[in-house]
Amino acid sequence: MADPTSRDTLPHKDPSAAGGFLVALGMLGGVGVGFAIGQATPGFLVGTAIGVAAAVLVWLKDRR
């Protein structure tokens, strides 16, 4: 009889979507745009906020 806690008997779950890439992309993109207009720190903050919002949307879509 198989052990009920073994990995072979646990249900398979699909891998989650990764939203961290969107946060990093928002940060780098925000710094790039902010640097181009002479406001790197506000660009970083806005880019981070946009990246976090995108990551939250990916997380909400993935958990369904």
PDB file of N, CA and C in Angstrom:
ATOM      1  N   MET A   1       0.852  -1.178   0.000  1.00  0.00           N
ATOM      2  CA  MET A   1       0.000   0.000   0.000  1.00  0.00           C
ATOM      3  C   MET A   1       0.895   1.238   0.000  1.00  0.00           C
ATOM      4  N   ALA A   2       0.537   2.203  -0.806  1.00  0.00           N
ATOM      5  CA  ALA A   2       1.341   3.419  -0.950  1.00  0.00           C
ATOM      6  C   ALA A   2       1.132   4.353   0.242  1.00  0.00           C
ATOM      7  N   ASP A   3       2.177   5.063   0.581  1.00  0.00           N
ATOM      8  CA  ASP A   3       2.104   6.060   1.655  1.00  0.00           C
ATOM      9  C   ASP A   3       1.243   7.239   1.174  1.00  0.00           C
ATOM     10  N   PRO A   4       0.184   7.625   1.907  1.00  0.00           N
ATOM     11  CA  PRO A   4      -0.707   8.700   1.448  1.00  0.00           C
ATOM     12  C   PRO A   4      -0.033  10.075   1.402  1.00  0.00           C
ATOM     13  N   THR A   5       1.135  10.221   2.030  1.00  0.00           N
ATOM     14  CA  THR A   5       1.812  11.517   1.999  1.00  0.00           C
ATOM     15  C   THR A   5       2.936  11.569   0.977  1.00  0.00           C
ATOM     16  N   SER A   6       3.088  10.486   0.205  1.00  0.00           N
ATOM     17  CA  SER A   6       4.172  10.487  -0.774  1.00  0.00           C
ATOM     18  C   SER A   6       3.848  11.457  -1.908  1.00  0.00           C
ATOM     19  N   ARG A   7       4.883  11.892  -2.589  1.00  0.00           N
ATOM     20  CA  ARG A   7       4.703  12.864  -3.676  1.00  0.00           C
ATOM     21  C   ARG A   7       3.909  12.278  -4.841  1.00  0.00           C
ATOM     22  N   ASP A   8       3.928  10.982  -4.988  1.00  0.00           N
ATOM     23  CA  ASP A   8       3.233  10.350  -6.112  1.00  0.00           C
ATOM     24  C   ASP A   8       1.723  10.430  -5.982  1.00  0.00           C
ATOM     25  N   THR A   9       1.204  10.575  -4.789  1.00  0.00           N
ATOM     26  CA  THR A   9      -0.244  10.579  -4.609  1.00  0.00           C
ATOM     27  C   THR A   9      -0.822  11.980  -4.506  1.00  0.00           C
ATOM     28  N   LEU A  10       0.036  13.020  -4.435  1.00  0.00           N
ATOM     29  CA  LEU A  10      -0.476  14.379  -4.335  1.00  0.00           C
ATOM     30  C   LEU A  10      -0.943  14.855  -5.704  1.00  0.00           C
ATOM     31  N   PRO A  11      -2.026  15.642  -5.743  1.00  0.00           N
ATOM     32  CA  PRO A  11      -2.502  16.124  -7.047  1.00  0.00           C
ATOM     33  C   PRO A  11      -1.492  17.085  -7.679  1.00  0.00           C
ATOM     34  N   HIS A  12      -1.413  17.049  -8.982  1.00  0.00           N
ATOM     35  CA  HIS A  12      -0.474  17.909  -9.719  1.00  0.00           C
ATOM     36  C   HIS A  12      -1.091  19.295  -9.890  1.00  0.00           C
ATOM     37  N   LYS A  13      -0.298  20.319  -9.610  1.00  0.00           N
ATOM     38  CA  LYS A  13      -0.743  21.696  -9.809  1.00  0.00           C
ATOM     39  C   LYS A  13       0.125  22.319 -10.879  1.00  0.00           C
ATOM     40  N   ASP A  14      -0.502  23.011 -11.815  1.00  0.00           N
ATOM     41  CA  ASP A  14       0.256  23.679 -12.869  1.00  0.00           C
ATOM     42  C   ASP A  14       1.134  24.754 -12.272  1.00  0.00           C
ATOM     43  N   PRO A  15       2.270  25.043 -12.895  1.00  0.00           N
ATOM     44  CA  PRO A  15       3.150  26.096 -12.381  1.00  0.00           C
ATOM     45  C   PRO A  15       2.467  27.457 -12.430  1.00  0.00           C
ATOM     46  N   SER A  16       2.780  28.289 -11.470  1.00  0.00           N
ATOM     47  CA  SER A  16       2.200  29.616 -11.405  1.00  0.00           C
ATOM     48  C   SER A  16       2.892  30.546 -12.398  1.00  0.00           C
ATOM     49  N   ALA A  17       2.153  31.545 -12.829  1.00  0.00           N
ATOM     50  CA  ALA A  17       2.738  32.564 -13.695  1.00  0.00           C
ATOM     51  C   ALA A  17       3.605  33.479 -12.831  1.00  0.00           C
ATOM     52  N   ALA A  18       4.709  33.926 -13.393  1.00  0.00           N
ATOM     53  CA  ALA A  18       5.646  34.763 -12.647  1.00  0.00           C
ATOM     54  C   ALA A  18       5.398  36.227 -12.970  1.00  0.00           C
ATOM     55  N   GLY A  19       5.077  37.012 -11.945  1.00  0.00           N
ATOM     56  CA  GLY A  19       4.857  38.435 -12.135  1.00  0.00           C
ATOM     57  C   GLY A  19       6.037  39.277 -11.717  1.00  0.00           C
ATOM     58  N   GLY A  20       7.039  38.667 -11.103  1.00  0.00           N
ATOM     59  CA  GLY A  20       8.205  39.417 -10.650  1.00  0.00           C
ATOM     60  C   GLY A  20       8.962  40.065 -11.797  1.00  0.00           C
ATOM     61  N   PHE A  21       8.939  39.419 -12.946  1.00  0.00           N
ATOM     62  CA  PHE A  21       9.580  39.997 -14.125  1.00  0.00           C
ATOM     63  C   PHE A  21       8.938  41.338 -14.476  1.00  0.00           C
ATOM     64  N   LEU A  22       7.623  41.440 -14.314  1.00  0.00           N
ATOM     65  CA  LEU A  22       6.932  42.690 -14.626  1.00  0.00           C
ATOM     66  C   LEU A  22       7.328  43.805 -13.669  1.00  0.00           C
ATOM     67  N   VAL A  23       7.553  43.460 -12.412  1.00  0.00           N
ATOM     68  CA  VAL A  23       8.004  44.463 -11.443  1.00  0.00           C
ATOM     69  C   VAL A  23       9.396  44.962 -11.825  1.00  0.00           C
ATOM     70  N   ALA A  24      10.293  44.041 -12.128  1.00  0.00           N
ATOM     71  CA  ALA A  24      11.653  44.429 -12.518  1.00  0.00           C
ATOM     72  C   ALA A  24      11.645  45.243 -13.807  1.00  0.00           C
ATOM     73  N   LEU A  25      10.835  44.833 -14.767  1.00  0.00           N
ATOM     74  CA  LEU A  25      10.747  45.565 -16.025  1.00  0.00           C
ATOM     75  C   LEU A  25      10.197  46.972 -15.796  1.00  0.00           C
ATOM     76  N   GLY A  26       9.201  47.098 -14.915  1.00  0.00           N
ATOM     77  CA  GLY A  26       8.659  48.418 -14.592  1.00  0.00           C
ATOM     78  C   GLY A  26       9.698  49.310 -13.942  1.00  0.00           C
ATOM     79  N   MET A  27      10.483  48.752 -13.029  1.00  0.00           N
ATOM     80  CA  MET A  27      11.531  49.533 -12.367  1.00  0.00           C
ATOM     81  C   MET A  27      12.561  50.041 -13.370  1.00  0.00           C
ATOM     82  N   LEU A  28      13.068  49.123 -14.192  1.00  0.00           N
ATOM     83  CA  LEU A  28      14.095  49.510 -15.160  1.00  0.00           C
ATOM     84  C   LEU A  28      13.545  50.472 -16.211  1.00  0.00           C
ATOM     85  N   GLY A  29      12.346  50.200 -16.680  1.00  0.00           N
ATOM     86  CA  GLY A  29      11.735  51.094 -17.659  1.00  0.00           C
ATOM     87  C   GLY A  29      11.453  52.468 -17.076  1.00  0.00           C
ATOM     88  N   GLY A  30      10.990  52.494 -15.831  1.00  0.00           N
ATOM     89  CA  GLY A  30      10.731  53.770 -15.176  1.00  0.00           C
ATOM     90  C   GLY A  30      11.982  54.596 -14.982  1.00  0.00           C
ATOM     91  N   VAL A  31      13.062  53.947 -14.601  1.00  0.00           N
ATOM     92  CA  VAL A  31      14.330  54.656 -14.442  1.00  0.00           C
ATOM     93  C   VAL A  31      14.805  55.182 -15.797  1.00  0.00           C
ATOM     94  N   GLY A  32      14.669  54.369 -16.837  1.00  0.00           N
ATOM     95  CA  GLY A  32      15.096  54.795 -18.170  1.00  0.00           C
ATOM     96  C   GLY A  32      14.316  56.007 -18.662  1.00  0.00           C
ATOM     97  N   VAL A  33      13.004  55.953 -18.527  1.00  0.00           N
ATOM     98  CA  VAL A  33      12.174  57.087 -18.958  1.00  0.00           C
ATOM     99  C   VAL A  33      12.423  58.290 -18.060  1.00  0.00           C
ATOM    100  N   GLY A  34      12.495  58.048 -16.755  1.00  0.00           N
ATOM    101  CA  GLY A  34      12.751  59.143 -15.830  1.00  0.00           C
ATOM    102  C   GLY A  34      14.095  59.799 -16.065  1.00  0.00           C
ATOM    103  N   PHE A  35      15.103  59.013 -16.350  1.00  0.00           N
ATOM    104  CA  PHE A  35      16.432  59.561 -16.634  1.00  0.00           C
ATOM    105  C   PHE A  35      16.414  60.406 -17.905  1.00  0.00           C
ATOM    106  N   ALA A  36      15.643  59.963 -18.893  1.00  0.00           N
ATOM    107  CA  ALA A  36      15.563  60.689 -20.160  1.00  0.00           C
ATOM    108  C   ALA A  36      14.920  62.063 -19.990  1.00  0.00           C
ATOM    109  N   ILE A  37      14.016  62.184 -19.005  1.00  0.00           N
ATOM    110  CA  ILE A  37      13.359  63.490 -18.793  1.00  0.00           C
ATOM    111  C   ILE A  37      13.935  64.225 -17.587  1.00  0.00           C
ATOM    112  N   GLY A  38      14.983  63.659 -17.000  1.00  0.00           N
ATOM    113  CA  GLY A  38      15.659  64.332 -15.892  1.00  0.00           C
ATOM    114  C   GLY A  38      15.036  64.109 -14.527  1.00  0.00           C
ATOM    115  N   GLN A  39      14.210  63.093 -14.395  1.00  0.00           N
ATOM    116  CA  GLN A  39      13.538  62.786 -13.128  1.00  0.00           C
ATOM    117  C   GLN A  39      13.610  61.278 -12.869  1.00  0.00           C
ATOM    118  N   ALA A  40      14.802  60.796 -12.535  1.00  0.00           N
ATOM    119  CA  ALA A  40      14.998  59.350 -12.402  1.00  0.00           C
ATOM    120  C   ALA A  40      14.241  58.755 -11.216  1.00  0.00           C
ATOM    121  N   THR A  41      14.235  59.444 -10.069  1.00  0.00           N
ATOM    122  CA  THR A  41      13.567  58.875  -8.890  1.00  0.00           C
ATOM    123  C   THR A  41      12.057  58.779  -9.075  1.00  0.00           C
ATOM    124  N   PRO A  42      11.371  59.844  -9.510  1.00  0.00           N
ATOM    125  CA  PRO A  42       9.933  59.682  -9.770  1.00  0.00           C
ATOM    126  C   PRO A  42       9.649  58.638 -10.856  1.00  0.00           C
ATOM    127  N   GLY A  43      10.510  58.549 -11.850  1.00  0.00           N
ATOM    128  CA  GLY A  43      10.343  57.525 -12.881  1.00  0.00           C
ATOM    129  C   GLY A  43      10.444  56.131 -12.299  1.00  0.00           C
ATOM    130  N   PHE A  44      11.405  55.947 -11.395  1.00  0.00           N
ATOM    131  CA  PHE A  44      11.557  54.653 -10.724  1.00  0.00           C
ATOM    132  C   PHE A  44      10.303  54.308  -9.918  1.00  0.00           C
ATOM    133  N   LEU A  45       9.789  55.274  -9.189  1.00  0.00           N
ATOM    134  CA  LEU A  45       8.612  55.022  -8.353  1.00  0.00           C
ATOM    135  C   LEU A  45       7.375  54.734  -9.197  1.00  0.00           C
ATOM    136  N   VAL A  46       7.169  55.509 -10.254  1.00  0.00           N
ATOM    137  CA  VAL A  46       6.021  55.271 -11.127  1.00  0.00           C
ATOM    138  C   VAL A  46       6.174  53.927 -11.844  1.00  0.00           C
ATOM    139  N   GLY A  47       7.369  53.632 -12.318  1.00  0.00           N
ATOM    140  CA  GLY A  47       7.612  52.352 -12.980  1.00  0.00           C
ATOM    141  C   GLY A  47       7.392  51.173 -12.039  1.00  0.00           C
ATOM    142  N   THR A  48       7.816  51.326 -10.797  1.00  0.00           N
ATOM    143  CA  THR A  48       7.589  50.273  -9.806  1.00  0.00           C
ATOM    144  C   THR A  48       6.095  50.071  -9.564  1.00  0.00           C
ATOM    145  N   ALA A  49       5.361  51.159  -9.439  1.00  0.00           N
ATOM    146  CA  ALA A  49       3.913  51.062  -9.211  1.00  0.00           C
ATOM    147  C   ALA A  49       3.223  50.376 -10.394  1.00  0.00           C
ATOM    148  N   ILE A  50       3.627  50.720 -11.598  1.00  0.00           N
ATOM    149  CA  ILE A  50       3.035  50.087 -12.777  1.00  0.00           C
ATOM    150  C   ILE A  50       3.390  48.600 -12.830  1.00  0.00           C
ATOM    151  N   GLY A  51       4.642  48.273 -12.508  1.00  0.00           N
ATOM    152  CA  GLY A  51       5.059  46.872 -12.492  1.00  0.00           C
ATOM    153  C   GLY A  51       4.332  46.057 -11.441  1.00  0.00           C
ATOM    154  N   VAL A  52       4.149  46.631 -10.255  1.00  0.00           N
ATOM    155  CA  VAL A  52       3.422  45.927  -9.194  1.00  0.00           C
ATOM    156  C   VAL A  52       1.963  45.726  -9.601  1.00  0.00           C
ATOM    157  N   ALA A  53       1.355  46.749 -10.192  1.00  0.00           N
ATOM    158  CA  ALA A  53      -0.031  46.619 -10.641  1.00  0.00           C
ATOM    159  C   ALA A  53      -0.160  45.511 -11.693  1.00  0.00           C
ATOM    160  N   ALA A  54       0.783  45.452 -12.618  1.00  0.00           N
ATOM    161  CA  ALA A  54       0.757  44.401 -13.635  1.00  0.00           C
ATOM    162  C   ALA A  54       0.954  43.021 -13.004  1.00  0.00           C
ATOM    163  N   ALA A  55       1.844  42.922 -12.030  1.00  0.00           N
ATOM    164  CA  ALA A  55       2.072  41.641 -11.352  1.00  0.00           C
ATOM    165  C   ALA A  55       0.835  41.203 -10.573  1.00  0.00           C
ATOM    166  N   VAL A  56       0.145  42.139  -9.961  1.00  0.00           N
ATOM    167  CA  VAL A  56      -1.094  41.805  -9.239  1.00  0.00           C
ATOM    168  C   VAL A  56      -2.150  41.308 -10.220  1.00  0.00           C
ATOM    169  N   LEU A  57      -2.245  41.943 -11.382  1.00  0.00           N
ATOM    170  CA  LEU A  57      -3.204  41.479 -12.387  1.00  0.00           C
ATOM    171  C   LEU A  57      -2.874  40.065 -12.863  1.00  0.00           C
ATOM    172  N   VAL A  58      -1.588  39.770 -13.054  1.00  0.00           N
ATOM    173  CA  VAL A  58      -1.180  38.414 -13.435  1.00  0.00           C
ATOM    174  C   VAL A  58      -1.538  37.435 -12.331  1.00  0.00           C
ATOM    175  N   TRP A  59      -1.304  37.820 -11.083  1.00  0.00           N
ATOM    176  CA  TRP A  59      -1.616  36.942  -9.952  1.00  0.00           C
ATOM    177  C   TRP A  59      -3.123  36.691  -9.866  1.00  0.00           C
ATOM    178  N   LEU A  60      -3.923  37.722 -10.043  1.00  0.00           N
ATOM    179  CA  LEU A  60      -5.375  37.554  -9.985  1.00  0.00           C
ATOM    180  C   LEU A  60      -5.873  36.642 -11.110  1.00  0.00           C
ATOM    181  N   LYS A  61      -5.312  36.789 -12.294  1.00  0.00           N
ATOM    182  CA  LYS A  61      -5.711  35.950 -13.418  1.00  0.00           C
ATOM    183  C   LYS A  61      -5.262  34.507 -13.189  1.00  0.00           C
ATOM    184  N   ASP A  62      -4.082  34.318 -12.616  1.00  0.00           N
ATOM    185  CA  ASP A  62      -3.523  32.980 -12.433  1.00  0.00           C
ATOM    186  C   ASP A  62      -4.220  32.182 -11.345  1.00  0.00           C
ATOM    187  N   ARG A  63      -4.771  32.836 -10.354  1.00  0.00           N
ATOM    188  CA  ARG A  63      -5.351  32.070  -9.245  1.00  0.00           C
ATOM    189  C   ARG A  63      -6.726  31.514  -9.537  1.00  0.00           C
ATOM    190  N   ARG A  64      -7.302  31.831 -10.673  1.00  0.00           N
ATOM    191  CA  ARG A  64      -8.630  31.285 -11.033  1.00  0.00           C
ATOM    192  C   ARG A  64      -8.541  29.867 -11.492  1.00  0.00           C
TER     193      ARG A  64
END
